[in-house]
């Protein structure tokens, strides 16, 4: 491997650690749920999922899981999760 490529690999690893450099605008991901696979799409700053829950609620576990995974790399319009974790009822 030539020295130019080694430098690029090192830079790529550094960039990957700096999440604020990345801002997803469009994305398609297959999420393997408990019962089925679901394609979740981020398009124009909005989530889309074909699961029944999303169709009725405009949010679902699949889209919120991706939001948590990509924290800090999504447009504000794609935010569905509450700012603080939900408290468990006693």
C-alpha atoms as a PDB file:
ATOM      1  CA  UNK A   1       0.000   0.000   0.000  1.00  0.00           C
ATOM      2  CA  UNK A   2       1.390   3.397  -0.929  1.00  0.00           C
ATOM      3  CA  UNK A   3       1.890   6.206   1.587  1.00  0.00           C
ATOM      4  CA  UNK A   4      -0.894   8.362   0.101  1.00  0.00           C
ATOM      5  CA  UNK A   5      -3.452   5.638   0.799  1.00  0.00           C
ATOM      6  CA  UNK A   6      -2.154   5.137   4.358  1.00  0.00           C
ATOM      7  CA  UNK A   7      -2.731   8.833   5.023  1.00  0.00           C
ATOM      8  CA  UNK A   8      -6.271   8.631   3.622  1.00  0.00           C
ATOM      9  CA  UNK A   9      -7.088   5.597   5.790  1.00  0.00           C
ATOM     10  CA  UNK A  10      -5.865   7.419   8.895  1.00  0.00           C
ATOM     11  CA  UNK A  11      -7.929  10.474   7.948  1.00  0.00           C
ATOM     12  CA  UNK A  12     -11.016   8.298   7.382  1.00  0.00           C
ATOM     13  CA  UNK A  13     -10.665   6.788  10.857  1.00  0.00           C
ATOM     14  CA  UNK A  14     -10.304  10.267  12.380  1.00  0.00           C
ATOM     15  CA  UNK A  15     -13.395  11.509  10.504  1.00  0.00           C
ATOM     16  CA  UNK A  16     -15.391   8.478  11.650  1.00  0.00           C
ATOM     17  CA  UNK A  17     -14.730   9.481  15.277  1.00  0.00           C
ATOM     18  CA  UNK A  18     -16.015  13.028  14.634  1.00  0.00           C
ATOM     19  CA  UNK A  19     -19.746  12.372  14.209  1.00  0.00           C
ATOM     20  CA  UNK A  20     -20.539  16.084  13.815  1.00  0.00           C
ATOM     21  CA  UNK A  21     -18.940  15.942  10.344  1.00  0.00           C
ATOM     22  CA  UNK A  22     -21.778  13.756   9.046  1.00  0.00           C
ATOM     23  CA  UNK A  23     -25.332  14.840   8.248  1.00  0.00           C
ATOM     24  CA  UNK A  24     -27.582  12.287   6.578  1.00  0.00           C
ATOM     25  CA  UNK A  25     -30.058  13.729   4.095  1.00  0.00           C
ATOM     26  CA  UNK A  26     -31.281  10.524   2.496  1.00  0.00           C
ATOM     27  CA  UNK A  27     -30.885   6.960   3.659  1.00  0.00           C
ATOM     28  CA  UNK A  28     -32.465   3.538   3.210  1.00  0.00           C
ATOM     29  CA  UNK A  29     -31.886   0.829   5.813  1.00  0.00           C
ATOM     30  CA  UNK A  30     -33.337  -2.646   6.241  1.00  0.00           C
ATOM     31  CA  UNK A  31     -34.155  -3.226   9.915  1.00  0.00           C
ATOM     32  CA  UNK A  32     -34.556  -6.836  11.019  1.00  0.00           C
ATOM     33  CA  UNK A  33     -37.446  -6.646  13.499  1.00  0.00           C
ATOM     34  CA  UNK A  34     -38.716  -9.391  15.784  1.00  0.00           C
ATOM     35  CA  UNK A  35     -41.457 -10.407  13.357  1.00  0.00           C
ATOM     36  CA  UNK A  36     -40.369  -9.127   9.966  1.00  0.00           C
ATOM     37  CA  UNK A  37     -37.868  -7.012   8.075  1.00  0.00           C
ATOM     38  CA  UNK A  38     -38.727  -3.344   7.584  1.00  0.00           C
ATOM     39  CA  UNK A  39     -37.216  -0.875   5.149  1.00  0.00           C
ATOM     40  CA  UNK A  40     -36.856   2.473   6.880  1.00  0.00           C
ATOM     41  CA  UNK A  41     -36.185   5.481   4.675  1.00  0.00           C
ATOM     42  CA  UNK A  42     -35.037   8.981   5.540  1.00  0.00           C
ATOM     43  CA  UNK A  43     -36.088  11.266   2.698  1.00  0.00           C
ATOM     44  CA  UNK A  44     -36.407  15.050   2.754  1.00  0.00           C
ATOM     45  CA  UNK A  45     -35.706  15.032   6.495  1.00  0.00           C
ATOM     46  CA  UNK A  46     -38.616  12.714   7.299  1.00  0.00           C
ATOM     47  CA  UNK A  47     -38.745   9.052   8.268  1.00  0.00           C
ATOM     48  CA  UNK A  48     -40.829   6.506   6.400  1.00  0.00           C
ATOM     49  CA  UNK A  49     -41.496   2.911   7.437  1.00  0.00           C
ATOM     50  CA  UNK A  50     -44.102   0.535   6.050  1.00  0.00           C
ATOM     51  CA  UNK A  51     -44.867  -1.125   9.393  1.00  0.00           C
ATOM     52  CA  UNK A  52     -48.426  -0.773  10.687  1.00  0.00           C
ATOM     53  CA  UNK A  53     -47.388   1.193  13.776  1.00  0.00           C
ATOM     54  CA  UNK A  54     -45.597   3.845  11.715  1.00  0.00           C
ATOM     55  CA  UNK A  55     -48.519   4.163   9.302  1.00  0.00           C
ATOM     56  CA  UNK A  56     -50.812   5.109  12.199  1.00  0.00           C
ATOM     57  CA  UNK A  57     -48.354   7.029  14.406  1.00  0.00           C
ATOM     58  CA  UNK A  58     -45.701   8.559  12.097  1.00  0.00           C
ATOM     59  CA  UNK A  59     -43.046   6.942  14.307  1.00  0.00           C
ATOM     60  CA  UNK A  60     -42.073   3.392  15.235  1.00  0.00           C
ATOM     61  CA  UNK A  61     -39.378   1.382  17.001  1.00  0.00           C
ATOM     62  CA  UNK A  62     -37.562   0.916  13.685  1.00  0.00           C
ATOM     63  CA  UNK A  63     -37.299   4.624  12.846  1.00  0.00           C
ATOM     64  CA  UNK A  64     -36.518   5.614  16.445  1.00  0.00           C
ATOM     65  CA  UNK A  65     -33.775   2.971  16.666  1.00  0.00           C
ATOM     66  CA  UNK A  66     -32.116   4.480  13.606  1.00  0.00           C
ATOM     67  CA  UNK A  67     -32.452   7.936  15.090  1.00  0.00           C
ATOM     68  CA  UNK A  68     -30.681   6.760  18.254  1.00  0.00           C
ATOM     69  CA  UNK A  69     -27.996   5.016  16.205  1.00  0.00           C
ATOM     70  CA  UNK A  70     -27.362   8.136  14.098  1.00  0.00           C
ATOM     71  CA  UNK A  71     -27.580  10.607  16.992  1.00  0.00           C
ATOM     72  CA  UNK A  72     -26.071  13.941  16.032  1.00  0.00           C
ATOM     73  CA  UNK A  73     -25.985  13.121  12.311  1.00  0.00           C
ATOM     74  CA  UNK A  74     -29.608  13.769  11.324  1.00  0.00           C
ATOM     75  CA  UNK A  75     -31.535  16.916  10.407  1.00  0.00           C
ATOM     76  CA  UNK A  76     -33.708  18.313  13.199  1.00  0.00           C
ATOM     77  CA  UNK A  77     -36.822  17.405  11.209  1.00  0.00           C
ATOM     78  CA  UNK A  78     -35.957  13.701  11.629  1.00  0.00           C
ATOM     79  CA  UNK A  79     -35.986  13.890  15.442  1.00  0.00           C
ATOM     80  CA  UNK A  80     -38.710  11.769  17.058  1.00  0.00           C
ATOM     81  CA  UNK A  81     -37.149  10.615  20.322  1.00  0.00           C
ATOM     82  CA  UNK A  82     -37.785  12.630  23.485  1.00  0.00           C
ATOM     83  CA  UNK A  83     -34.812  14.657  24.700  1.00  0.00           C
ATOM     84  CA  UNK A  84     -34.712  12.660  27.933  1.00  0.00           C
ATOM     85  CA  UNK A  85     -35.263   8.910  28.360  1.00  0.00           C
ATOM     86  CA  UNK A  86     -38.810   8.051  29.352  1.00  0.00           C
ATOM     87  CA  UNK A  87     -39.246   7.291  33.057  1.00  0.00           C
ATOM     88  CA  UNK A  88     -40.548   3.809  33.823  1.00  0.00           C
ATOM     89  CA  UNK A  89     -43.870   3.719  35.648  1.00  0.00           C
ATOM     90  CA  UNK A  90     -43.625   2.220  39.130  1.00  0.00           C
END
